[in-house]
């Protein structure tokens, strides 16, 4: 089992680190009492579908429970369970600024100032920092930089997670999908609605599809969109985005948008991409 313990200072980015690990396929538990680590890992091993990658966020927020941290790690060693500790920290000035921005009190402040909370937190976490496998200073890091650093620490040879492309057709008269990242308007293509023999068919029909793709601009659009996606996929993944929703719209969502979504999804699948196809208004 691959076990990662995320620890560090409050406000240093532990939640962002856990989100990154979750995106990489880890089962994540926040604010885990150290004394429960061994029992929880037993549950993971005995599950019908065993959990092979687990992440636990453990830090001084646990109060009295945090006192068991070292003893709990010794128990894991005795069981032969390997683990890695990822420790996140930042400068006092950056931590103060972050707490000021989100207007939350520092969990270690005990009614005092943020500065006092940071000082207590550093003192409490000093021993954990000393035993950490990796210490990351997030003072000048964006989410994407932190994600890349974590991936490199955990397994520099592991490929980045595959991007899932959701291809969705819709009709403008029913509204644009709320989850759309990119929207393309297919109303520049010839409309089968005005052809009596095609009006009651949909973009899933071969006759409708042939009618639409007789227009040279239809295939030209597909070719250029394919090139565009190839150019930006690696950048999306680098920025920590693993799901991209591309929507094709026409007036009613029955003909042009459906045919184009089908054609584009087919191209992506032929290129080996992970594709989810949705016809919202069909």
C-alpha atoms as a PDB file:
ATOM      1  CA  UNK A   1       0.000   0.000   0.000  1.00  0.00           C
ATOM      2  CA  UNK A   2       1.170   3.484  -0.890  1.00  0.00           C
ATOM      3  CA  UNK A   3       0.579   5.720   2.142  1.00  0.00           C
ATOM      4  CA  UNK A   4       1.241   9.459   2.110  1.00  0.00           C
ATOM      5  CA  UNK A   5       0.906  11.606   5.217  1.00  0.00           C
ATOM      6  CA  UNK A   6       0.386  15.282   4.457  1.00  0.00           C
ATOM      7  CA  UNK A   7       1.338  17.526   7.347  1.00  0.00           C
ATOM      8  CA  UNK A   8       2.642  21.019   7.911  1.00  0.00           C
ATOM      9  CA  UNK A   9       1.634  24.461   9.026  1.00  0.00           C
ATOM     10  CA  UNK A  10      -1.928  25.724   9.036  1.00  0.00           C
ATOM     11  CA  UNK A  11      -2.433  27.847   5.932  1.00  0.00           C
ATOM     12  CA  UNK A  12       0.499  26.322   4.048  1.00  0.00           C
ATOM     13  CA  UNK A  13      -1.660  24.467   1.517  1.00  0.00           C
ATOM     14  CA  UNK A  14      -2.431  21.060   3.014  1.00  0.00           C
ATOM     15  CA  UNK A  15      -5.956  21.078   1.563  1.00  0.00           C
ATOM     16  CA  UNK A  16      -4.598  21.872  -1.905  1.00  0.00           C
ATOM     17  CA  UNK A  17      -2.079  19.053  -1.521  1.00  0.00           C
ATOM     18  CA  UNK A  18      -4.837  16.623  -0.524  1.00  0.00           C
ATOM     19  CA  UNK A  19      -6.910  17.708  -3.535  1.00  0.00           C
ATOM     20  CA  UNK A  20      -3.935  17.024  -5.784  1.00  0.00           C
ATOM     21  CA  UNK A  21      -3.445  13.568  -4.289  1.00  0.00           C
ATOM     22  CA  UNK A  22      -7.150  12.824  -4.653  1.00  0.00           C
ATOM     23  CA  UNK A  23      -6.884  13.736  -8.336  1.00  0.00           C
ATOM     24  CA  UNK A  24      -3.976  11.298  -8.587  1.00  0.00           C
ATOM     25  CA  UNK A  25      -6.155   8.477  -7.270  1.00  0.00           C
ATOM     26  CA  UNK A  26      -5.459   8.545  -3.531  1.00  0.00           C
ATOM     27  CA  UNK A  27      -8.176   7.930  -0.939  1.00  0.00           C
ATOM     28  CA  UNK A  28      -7.855  11.050   1.243  1.00  0.00           C
ATOM     29  CA  UNK A  29      -8.860  11.616   4.874  1.00  0.00           C
ATOM     30  CA  UNK A  30      -8.480  15.072   6.413  1.00  0.00           C
ATOM     31  CA  UNK A  31      -7.585  15.704  10.087  1.00  0.00           C
ATOM     32  CA  UNK A  32      -7.066  12.016  10.790  1.00  0.00           C
ATOM     33  CA  UNK A  33      -6.418  11.124  14.466  1.00  0.00           C
ATOM     34  CA  UNK A  34      -3.021   9.349  14.344  1.00  0.00           C
ATOM     35  CA  UNK A  35      -4.175   6.611  16.731  1.00  0.00           C
ATOM     36  CA  UNK A  36      -6.704   5.443  14.116  1.00  0.00           C
ATOM     37  CA  UNK A  37      -4.165   5.095  11.293  1.00  0.00           C
ATOM     38  CA  UNK A  38      -3.384   1.418  11.767  1.00  0.00           C
ATOM     39  CA  UNK A  39      -7.031   0.344  12.122  1.00  0.00           C
ATOM     40  CA  UNK A  40      -8.090   2.399   9.123  1.00  0.00           C
ATOM     41  CA  UNK A  41      -5.365   0.875   6.949  1.00  0.00           C
ATOM     42  CA  UNK A  42      -6.584  -2.560   7.992  1.00  0.00           C
ATOM     43  CA  UNK A  43     -10.041  -1.618   6.727  1.00  0.00           C
ATOM     44  CA  UNK A  44      -8.461  -0.484   3.455  1.00  0.00           C
ATOM     45  CA  UNK A  45      -6.742  -3.831   3.021  1.00  0.00           C
ATOM     46  CA  UNK A  46      -9.824  -5.883   3.885  1.00  0.00           C
ATOM     47  CA  UNK A  47     -12.256  -3.979   1.662  1.00  0.00           C
ATOM     48  CA  UNK A  48     -13.886  -5.835  -1.252  1.00  0.00           C
ATOM     49  CA  UNK A  49     -12.010  -3.463  -3.513  1.00  0.00           C
ATOM     50  CA  UNK A  50      -8.784  -2.898  -1.527  1.00  0.00           C
ATOM     51  CA  UNK A  51      -7.501   0.673  -1.376  1.00  0.00           C
ATOM     52  CA  UNK A  52      -3.911   0.732  -2.582  1.00  0.00           C
ATOM     53  CA  UNK A  53      -3.230   4.476  -2.366  1.00  0.00           C
ATOM     54  CA  UNK A  54      -4.148   6.373   0.809  1.00  0.00           C
ATOM     55  CA  UNK A  55      -3.455   9.929   1.965  1.00  0.00           C
ATOM     56  CA  UNK A  56      -3.939  11.262   5.491  1.00  0.00           C
ATOM     57  CA  UNK A  57      -3.807  14.913   6.487  1.00  0.00           C
ATOM     58  CA  UNK A  58      -2.471  14.998  10.050  1.00  0.00           C
ATOM     59  CA  UNK A  59      -1.389  18.121  11.890  1.00  0.00           C
ATOM     60  CA  UNK A  60      -1.605  20.069  15.128  1.00  0.00           C
ATOM     61  CA  UNK A  61      -5.329  20.753  14.662  1.00  0.00           C
ATOM     62  CA  UNK A  62      -5.839  17.327  16.233  1.00  0.00           C
ATOM     63  CA  UNK A  63      -4.998  18.778  19.629  1.00  0.00           C
ATOM     64  CA  UNK A  64      -4.595  15.991  22.198  1.00  0.00           C
ATOM     65  CA  UNK A  65      -4.998  13.326  19.484  1.00  0.00           C
ATOM     66  CA  UNK A  66      -1.859  14.654  17.768  1.00  0.00           C
ATOM     67  CA  UNK A  67       0.239  13.511  20.731  1.00  0.00           C
ATOM     68  CA  UNK A  68       0.010   9.931  19.406  1.00  0.00           C
ATOM     69  CA  UNK A  69       1.678  10.810  16.077  1.00  0.00           C
ATOM     70  CA  UNK A  70       5.122   9.248  16.643  1.00  0.00           C
ATOM     71  CA  UNK A  71       3.698   6.131  18.337  1.00  0.00           C
ATOM     72  CA  UNK A  72       1.253   5.607  15.463  1.00  0.00           C
ATOM     73  CA  UNK A  73       4.072   5.814  12.918  1.00  0.00           C
ATOM     74  CA  UNK A  74       6.079   3.258  14.907  1.00  0.00           C
ATOM     75  CA  UNK A  75       3.080   0.918  14.745  1.00  0.00           C
ATOM     76  CA  UNK A  76       2.985   1.248  10.954  1.00  0.00           C
ATOM     77  CA  UNK A  77       6.692   0.415  10.765  1.00  0.00           C
ATOM     78  CA  UNK A  78       6.142  -2.696  12.884  1.00  0.00           C
ATOM     79  CA  UNK A  79       3.420  -3.813  10.478  1.00  0.00           C
ATOM     80  CA  UNK A  80       5.749  -3.291   7.521  1.00  0.00           C
ATOM     81  CA  UNK A  81       3.642  -0.483   6.047  1.00  0.00           C
ATOM     82  CA  UNK A  82       5.748   2.035   4.198  1.00  0.00           C
ATOM     83  CA  UNK A  83       4.720   5.665   4.334  1.00  0.00           C
ATOM     84  CA  UNK A  84       6.014   9.028   3.228  1.00  0.00           C
ATOM     85  CA  UNK A  85       5.564  12.321   5.062  1.00  0.00           C
ATOM     86  CA  UNK A  86       5.006  15.428   2.982  1.00  0.00           C
ATOM     87  CA  UNK A  87       5.471  18.601   5.041  1.00  0.00           C
ATOM     88  CA  UNK A  88       4.159  21.960   3.798  1.00  0.00           C
ATOM     89  CA  UNK A  89       5.289  25.299   5.173  1.00  0.00           C
ATOM     90  CA  UNK A  90       5.375  28.983   4.243  1.00  0.00           C
ATOM     91  CA  UNK A  91       6.850  32.194   5.573  1.00  0.00           C
ATOM     92  CA  UNK A  92       5.144  33.994   8.455  1.00  0.00           C
ATOM     93  CA  UNK A  93       4.338  36.972   6.231  1.00  0.00           C
ATOM     94  CA  UNK A  94       2.612  34.783   3.637  1.00  0.00           C
ATOM     95  CA  UNK A  95       0.659  32.831   6.268  1.00  0.00           C
ATOM     96  CA  UNK A  96      -0.548  36.059   7.884  1.00  0.00           C
ATOM     97  CA  UNK A  97      -1.607  37.396   4.497  1.00  0.00           C
ATOM     98  CA  UNK A  98      -3.517  34.195   3.687  1.00  0.00           C
ATOM     99  CA  UNK A  99      -5.402  34.260   6.970  1.00  0.00           C
ATOM    100  CA  UNK A 100      -6.151  37.934   6.501  1.00  0.00           C
ATOM    101  CA  UNK A 101      -7.528  37.236   3.017  1.00  0.00           C
ATOM    102  CA  UNK A 102      -9.885  34.446   4.080  1.00  0.00           C
ATOM    103  CA  UNK A 103     -10.802  36.182   7.361  1.00  0.00           C
ATOM    104  CA  UNK A 104     -10.504  33.016   9.395  1.00  0.00           C
ATOM    105  CA  UNK A 105      -8.914  32.695  12.801  1.00  0.00           C
ATOM    106  CA  UNK A 106      -5.792  30.604  13.197  1.00  0.00           C
ATOM    107  CA  UNK A 107      -6.696  27.237  14.804  1.00  0.00           C
ATOM    108  CA  UNK A 108      -3.671  27.438  17.105  1.00  0.00           C
ATOM    109  CA  UNK A 109      -4.234  31.058  18.166  1.00  0.00           C
ATOM    110  CA  UNK A 110      -6.406  30.175  21.218  1.00  0.00           C
ATOM    111  CA  UNK A 111      -8.068  33.544  21.094  1.00  0.00           C
ATOM    112  CA  UNK A 112      -4.807  35.386  20.428  1.00  0.00           C
ATOM    113  CA  UNK A 113      -3.371  36.851  17.253  1.00  0.00           C
ATOM    114  CA  UNK A 114      -2.579  35.023  14.025  1.00  0.00           C
ATOM    115  CA  UNK A 115       1.117  35.620  14.695  1.00  0.00           C
ATOM    116  CA  UNK A 116       0.829  33.791  18.030  1.00  0.00           C
ATOM    117  CA  UNK A 117      -1.000  30.925  16.353  1.00  0.00           C
ATOM    118  CA  UNK A 118       1.734  30.578  13.723  1.00  0.00           C
ATOM    119  CA  UNK A 119       4.428  30.551  16.393  1.00  0.00           C
ATOM    120  CA  UNK A 120       2.677  27.808  18.393  1.00  0.00           C
ATOM    121  CA  UNK A 121       2.058  25.847  15.198  1.00  0.00           C
ATOM    122  CA  UNK A 122       5.751  25.950  14.209  1.00  0.00           C
ATOM    123  CA  UNK A 123       6.801  24.807  17.672  1.00  0.00           C
ATOM    124  CA  UNK A 124       4.320  21.943  17.697  1.00  0.00           C
ATOM    125  CA  UNK A 125       5.193  20.785  14.188  1.00  0.00           C
ATOM    126  CA  UNK A 126       8.972  21.029  14.513  1.00  0.00           C
ATOM    127  CA  UNK A 127       9.410  17.321  15.269  1.00  0.00           C
ATOM    128  CA  UNK A 128       7.227  16.301  12.321  1.00  0.00           C
ATOM    129  CA  UNK A 129       9.194  18.550   9.986  1.00  0.00           C
ATOM    130  CA  UNK A 130      12.402  16.863  11.140  1.00  0.00           C
ATOM    131  CA  UNK A 131      11.136  13.394  10.154  1.00  0.00           C
ATOM    132  CA  UNK A 132       9.501  14.476   6.871  1.00  0.00           C
ATOM    133  CA  UNK A 133      10.605  12.852   3.630  1.00  0.00           C
ATOM    134  CA  UNK A 134      10.012  16.091   1.770  1.00  0.00           C
ATOM    135  CA  UNK A 135       9.498  19.706   2.846  1.00  0.00           C
ATOM    136  CA  UNK A 136       7.801  22.054   0.380  1.00  0.00           C
ATOM    137  CA  UNK A 137       7.750  25.809   0.899  1.00  0.00           C
ATOM    138  CA  UNK A 138       4.523  27.081  -0.703  1.00  0.00           C
ATOM    139  CA  UNK A 139       5.193  30.787  -0.073  1.00  0.00           C
ATOM    140  CA  UNK A 140       5.489  31.599  -3.779  1.00  0.00           C
ATOM    141  CA  UNK A 141       3.545  28.668  -5.223  1.00  0.00           C
ATOM    142  CA  UNK A 142       0.317  28.587  -7.180  1.00  0.00           C
ATOM    143  CA  UNK A 143      -1.883  25.477  -7.158  1.00  0.00           C
ATOM    144  CA  UNK A 144      -0.388  24.235 -10.429  1.00  0.00           C
ATOM    145  CA  UNK A 145       3.182  24.575  -9.105  1.00  0.00           C
ATOM    146  CA  UNK A 146       2.289  22.672  -5.948  1.00  0.00           C
ATOM    147  CA  UNK A 147       0.618  19.914  -7.976  1.00  0.00           C
ATOM    148  CA  UNK A 148       3.716  19.512 -10.110  1.00  0.00           C
ATOM    149  CA  UNK A 149       6.001  19.448  -7.069  1.00  0.00           C
ATOM    150  CA  UNK A 150       3.882  16.754  -5.397  1.00  0.00           C
ATOM    151  CA  UNK A 151       3.796  14.599  -8.532  1.00  0.00           C
ATOM    152  CA  UNK A 152       7.577  14.853  -8.836  1.00  0.00           C
ATOM    153  CA  UNK A 153       8.069  13.932  -5.183  1.00  0.00           C
ATOM    154  CA  UNK A 154       5.736  10.940  -5.213  1.00  0.00           C
ATOM    155  CA  UNK A 155       6.835   9.445  -8.503  1.00  0.00           C
ATOM    156  CA  UNK A 156       8.793  11.536 -10.993  1.00  0.00           C
ATOM    157  CA  UNK A 157       8.424   8.809 -13.632  1.00  0.00           C
ATOM    158  CA  UNK A 158       4.677   8.472 -13.234  1.00  0.00           C
ATOM    159  CA  UNK A 159       2.819  10.021 -16.177  1.00  0.00           C
ATOM    160  CA  UNK A 160       0.363  12.799 -15.481  1.00  0.00           C
ATOM    161  CA  UNK A 161      -3.229  11.744 -15.055  1.00  0.00           C
ATOM    162  CA  UNK A 162      -5.191  11.463 -18.287  1.00  0.00           C
ATOM    163  CA  UNK A 163      -7.481  14.303 -19.240  1.00  0.00           C
ATOM    164  CA  UNK A 164     -11.153  13.342 -19.507  1.00  0.00           C
ATOM    165  CA  UNK A 165     -12.922  15.221 -22.292  1.00  0.00           C
ATOM    166  CA  UNK A 166     -16.696  15.529 -21.976  1.00  0.00           C
ATOM    167  CA  UNK A 167     -18.274  16.274 -25.353  1.00  0.00           C
ATOM    168  CA  UNK A 168     -21.805  17.637 -25.001  1.00  0.00           C
ATOM    169  CA  UNK A 169     -24.443  18.784 -27.472  1.00  0.00           C
ATOM    170  CA  UNK A 170     -27.185  21.239 -26.505  1.00  0.00           C
ATOM    171  CA  UNK A 171     -29.820  23.603 -27.866  1.00  0.00           C
ATOM    172  CA  UNK A 172     -29.468  27.324 -27.303  1.00  0.00           C
ATOM    173  CA  UNK A 173     -33.194  27.708 -26.749  1.00  0.00           C
ATOM    174  CA  UNK A 174     -32.790  25.535 -23.620  1.00  0.00           C
ATOM    175  CA  UNK A 175     -29.744  27.451 -22.326  1.00  0.00           C
ATOM    176  CA  UNK A 176     -26.008  26.847 -22.322  1.00  0.00           C
ATOM    177  CA  UNK A 177     -24.821  23.946 -20.072  1.00  0.00           C
ATOM    178  CA  UNK A 178     -23.666  25.260 -16.704  1.00  0.00           C
ATOM    179  CA  UNK A 179     -20.595  23.014 -16.651  1.00  0.00           C
ATOM    180  CA  UNK A 180     -19.314  24.119 -20.076  1.00  0.00           C
ATOM    181  CA  UNK A 181     -15.618  25.056 -20.279  1.00  0.00           C
ATOM    182  CA  UNK A 182     -15.666  25.794 -24.011  1.00  0.00           C
ATOM    183  CA  UNK A 183     -18.726  26.430 -26.207  1.00  0.00           C
ATOM    184  CA  UNK A 184     -18.870  26.280 -30.012  1.00  0.00           C
ATOM    185  CA  UNK A 185     -21.855  27.559 -31.973  1.00  0.00           C
ATOM    186  CA  UNK A 186     -22.836  25.187 -34.795  1.00  0.00           C
ATOM    187  CA  UNK A 187     -25.487  27.472 -36.261  1.00  0.00           C
ATOM    188  CA  UNK A 188     -23.112  28.376 -39.111  1.00  0.00           C
ATOM    189  CA  UNK A 189     -23.769  24.917 -40.610  1.00  0.00           C
ATOM    190  CA  UNK A 190     -26.695  24.066 -42.931  1.00  0.00           C
ATOM    191  CA  UNK A 191     -29.796  23.273 -40.860  1.00  0.00           C
ATOM    192  CA  UNK A 192     -31.503  19.905 -41.531  1.00  0.00           C
ATOM    193  CA  UNK A 193     -34.595  21.220 -39.740  1.00  0.00           C
ATOM    194  CA  UNK A 194     -35.652  22.956 -42.940  1.00  0.00           C
ATOM    195  CA  UNK A 195     -35.392  19.766 -45.010  1.00  0.00           C
ATOM    196  CA  UNK A 196     -38.766  17.962 -44.688  1.00  0.00           C
ATOM    197  CA  UNK A 197     -37.266  14.461 -44.912  1.00  0.00           C
ATOM    198  CA  UNK A 198     -34.700  15.262 -42.181  1.00  0.00           C
ATOM    199  CA  UNK A 199     -36.695  17.506 -39.852  1.00  0.00           C
ATOM    200  CA  UNK A 200     -37.921  14.721 -37.558  1.00  0.00           C
ATOM    201  CA  UNK A 201     -34.583  12.862 -37.505  1.00  0.00           C
ATOM    202  CA  UNK A 202     -31.608  13.692 -35.273  1.00  0.00           C
ATOM    203  CA  UNK A 203     -27.886  14.139 -35.664  1.00  0.00           C
ATOM    204  CA  UNK A 204     -27.495  10.432 -34.855  1.00  0.00           C
ATOM    205  CA  UNK A 205     -29.046   9.633 -38.238  1.00  0.00           C
ATOM    206  CA  UNK A 206     -26.670   8.983 -41.156  1.00  0.00           C
ATOM    207  CA  UNK A 207     -28.717  11.075 -43.596  1.00  0.00           C
ATOM    208  CA  UNK A 208     -28.641  14.054 -41.271  1.00  0.00           C
ATOM    209  CA  UNK A 209     -24.934  13.608 -40.653  1.00  0.00           C
ATOM    210  CA  UNK A 210     -24.186  13.375 -44.385  1.00  0.00           C
ATOM    211  CA  UNK A 211     -26.249  16.491 -45.066  1.00  0.00           C
ATOM    212  CA  UNK A 212     -24.358  18.510 -42.447  1.00  0.00           C
ATOM    213  CA  UNK A 213     -20.900  17.321 -43.437  1.00  0.00           C
ATOM    214  CA  UNK A 214     -21.433  18.045 -47.112  1.00  0.00           C
ATOM    215  CA  UNK A 215     -20.571  21.593 -46.086  1.00  0.00           C
ATOM    216  CA  UNK A 216     -16.763  21.906 -46.407  1.00  0.00           C
ATOM    217  CA  UNK A 217     -16.591  24.174 -43.360  1.00  0.00           C
ATOM    218  CA  UNK A 218     -17.847  21.327 -41.151  1.00  0.00           C
ATOM    219  CA  UNK A 219     -14.771  19.155 -41.698  1.00  0.00           C
ATOM    220  CA  UNK A 220     -12.488  22.188 -41.694  1.00  0.00           C
ATOM    221  CA  UNK A 221     -13.862  23.144 -38.294  1.00  0.00           C
ATOM    222  CA  UNK A 222     -13.255  19.631 -36.949  1.00  0.00           C
ATOM    223  CA  UNK A 223      -9.668  19.576 -38.192  1.00  0.00           C
ATOM    224  CA  UNK A 224      -8.833  22.914 -36.581  1.00  0.00           C
ATOM    225  CA  UNK A 225     -10.540  22.013 -33.319  1.00  0.00           C
ATOM    226  CA  UNK A 226      -8.524  18.796 -33.182  1.00  0.00           C
ATOM    227  CA  UNK A 227      -5.293  20.779 -33.581  1.00  0.00           C
ATOM    228  CA  UNK A 228      -6.394  23.251 -30.919  1.00  0.00           C
ATOM    229  CA  UNK A 229      -7.105  20.517 -28.365  1.00  0.00           C
ATOM    230  CA  UNK A 230      -3.752  18.836 -29.035  1.00  0.00           C
ATOM    231  CA  UNK A 231      -2.040  22.154 -28.360  1.00  0.00           C
ATOM    232  CA  UNK A 232      -3.708  22.824 -25.002  1.00  0.00           C
ATOM    233  CA  UNK A 233      -4.172  19.395 -23.361  1.00  0.00           C
ATOM    234  CA  UNK A 234      -0.721  19.324 -21.772  1.00  0.00           C
ATOM    235  CA  UNK A 235      -1.243  22.886 -20.521  1.00  0.00           C
ATOM    236  CA  UNK A 236      -4.599  21.967 -18.950  1.00  0.00           C
ATOM    237  CA  UNK A 237      -2.999  19.042 -17.099  1.00  0.00           C
ATOM    238  CA  UNK A 238      -0.058  21.189 -16.014  1.00  0.00           C
ATOM    239  CA  UNK A 239      -2.532  23.660 -14.507  1.00  0.00           C
ATOM    240  CA  UNK A 240      -4.205  20.847 -12.551  1.00  0.00           C
ATOM    241  CA  UNK A 241      -7.297  20.476 -14.763  1.00  0.00           C
ATOM    242  CA  UNK A 242      -8.216  16.858 -15.489  1.00  0.00           C
ATOM    243  CA  UNK A 243     -11.727  17.355 -16.859  1.00  0.00           C
ATOM    244  CA  UNK A 244     -12.555  19.464 -19.898  1.00  0.00           C
ATOM    245  CA  UNK A 245     -16.143  19.949 -21.088  1.00  0.00           C
ATOM    246  CA  UNK A 246     -16.507  20.988 -24.739  1.00  0.00           C
ATOM    247  CA  UNK A 247     -20.049  21.886 -25.786  1.00  0.00           C
ATOM    248  CA  UNK A 248     -21.536  22.180 -29.267  1.00  0.00           C
ATOM    249  CA  UNK A 249     -24.751  24.155 -29.587  1.00  0.00           C
ATOM    250  CA  UNK A 250     -27.379  24.645 -32.243  1.00  0.00           C
ATOM    251  CA  UNK A 251     -30.903  26.033 -32.067  1.00  0.00           C
ATOM    252  CA  UNK A 252     -32.773  23.033 -30.682  1.00  0.00           C
ATOM    253  CA  UNK A 253     -29.946  20.614 -29.848  1.00  0.00           C
ATOM    254  CA  UNK A 254     -31.260  17.895 -32.199  1.00  0.00           C
ATOM    255  CA  UNK A 255     -29.346  18.095 -35.458  1.00  0.00           C
ATOM    256  CA  UNK A 256     -26.127  20.061 -36.013  1.00  0.00           C
ATOM    257  CA  UNK A 257     -24.805  20.025 -32.456  1.00  0.00           C
ATOM    258  CA  UNK A 258     -25.473  16.285 -32.119  1.00  0.00           C
ATOM    259  CA  UNK A 259     -23.761  15.415 -35.395  1.00  0.00           C
ATOM    260  CA  UNK A 260     -20.723  17.543 -34.567  1.00  0.00           C
ATOM    261  CA  UNK A 261     -20.441  16.193 -31.022  1.00  0.00           C
ATOM    262  CA  UNK A 262     -20.580  12.627 -32.359  1.00  0.00           C
ATOM    263  CA  UNK A 263     -17.932  13.319 -34.990  1.00  0.00           C
ATOM    264  CA  UNK A 264     -15.566  15.053 -32.564  1.00  0.00           C
ATOM    265  CA  UNK A 265     -15.974  12.376 -29.878  1.00  0.00           C
ATOM    266  CA  UNK A 266     -15.216   9.705 -32.470  1.00  0.00           C
ATOM    267  CA  UNK A 267     -12.011  11.488 -33.440  1.00  0.00           C
ATOM    268  CA  UNK A 268     -10.893  11.816 -29.824  1.00  0.00           C
ATOM    269  CA  UNK A 269     -11.572   8.129 -29.131  1.00  0.00           C
ATOM    270  CA  UNK A 270      -9.570   7.146 -32.215  1.00  0.00           C
ATOM    271  CA  UNK A 271      -6.662   9.155 -30.776  1.00  0.00           C
ATOM    272  CA  UNK A 272      -6.905   7.161 -27.528  1.00  0.00           C
ATOM    273  CA  UNK A 273      -8.400   9.907 -25.376  1.00  0.00           C
ATOM    274  CA  UNK A 274     -10.877   9.259 -22.562  1.00  0.00           C
ATOM    275  CA  UNK A 275     -14.208  10.662 -23.787  1.00  0.00           C
ATOM    276  CA  UNK A 276     -17.670  11.072 -22.257  1.00  0.00           C
ATOM    277  CA  UNK A 277     -20.417  11.857 -24.809  1.00  0.00           C
ATOM    278  CA  UNK A 278     -23.653  13.593 -23.745  1.00  0.00           C
ATOM    279  CA  UNK A 279     -26.595  14.789 -25.838  1.00  0.00           C
ATOM    280  CA  UNK A 280     -28.368  16.971 -23.298  1.00  0.00           C
ATOM    281  CA  UNK A 281     -31.450  17.978 -25.235  1.00  0.00           C
ATOM    282  CA  UNK A 282     -32.003  14.898 -27.357  1.00  0.00           C
END
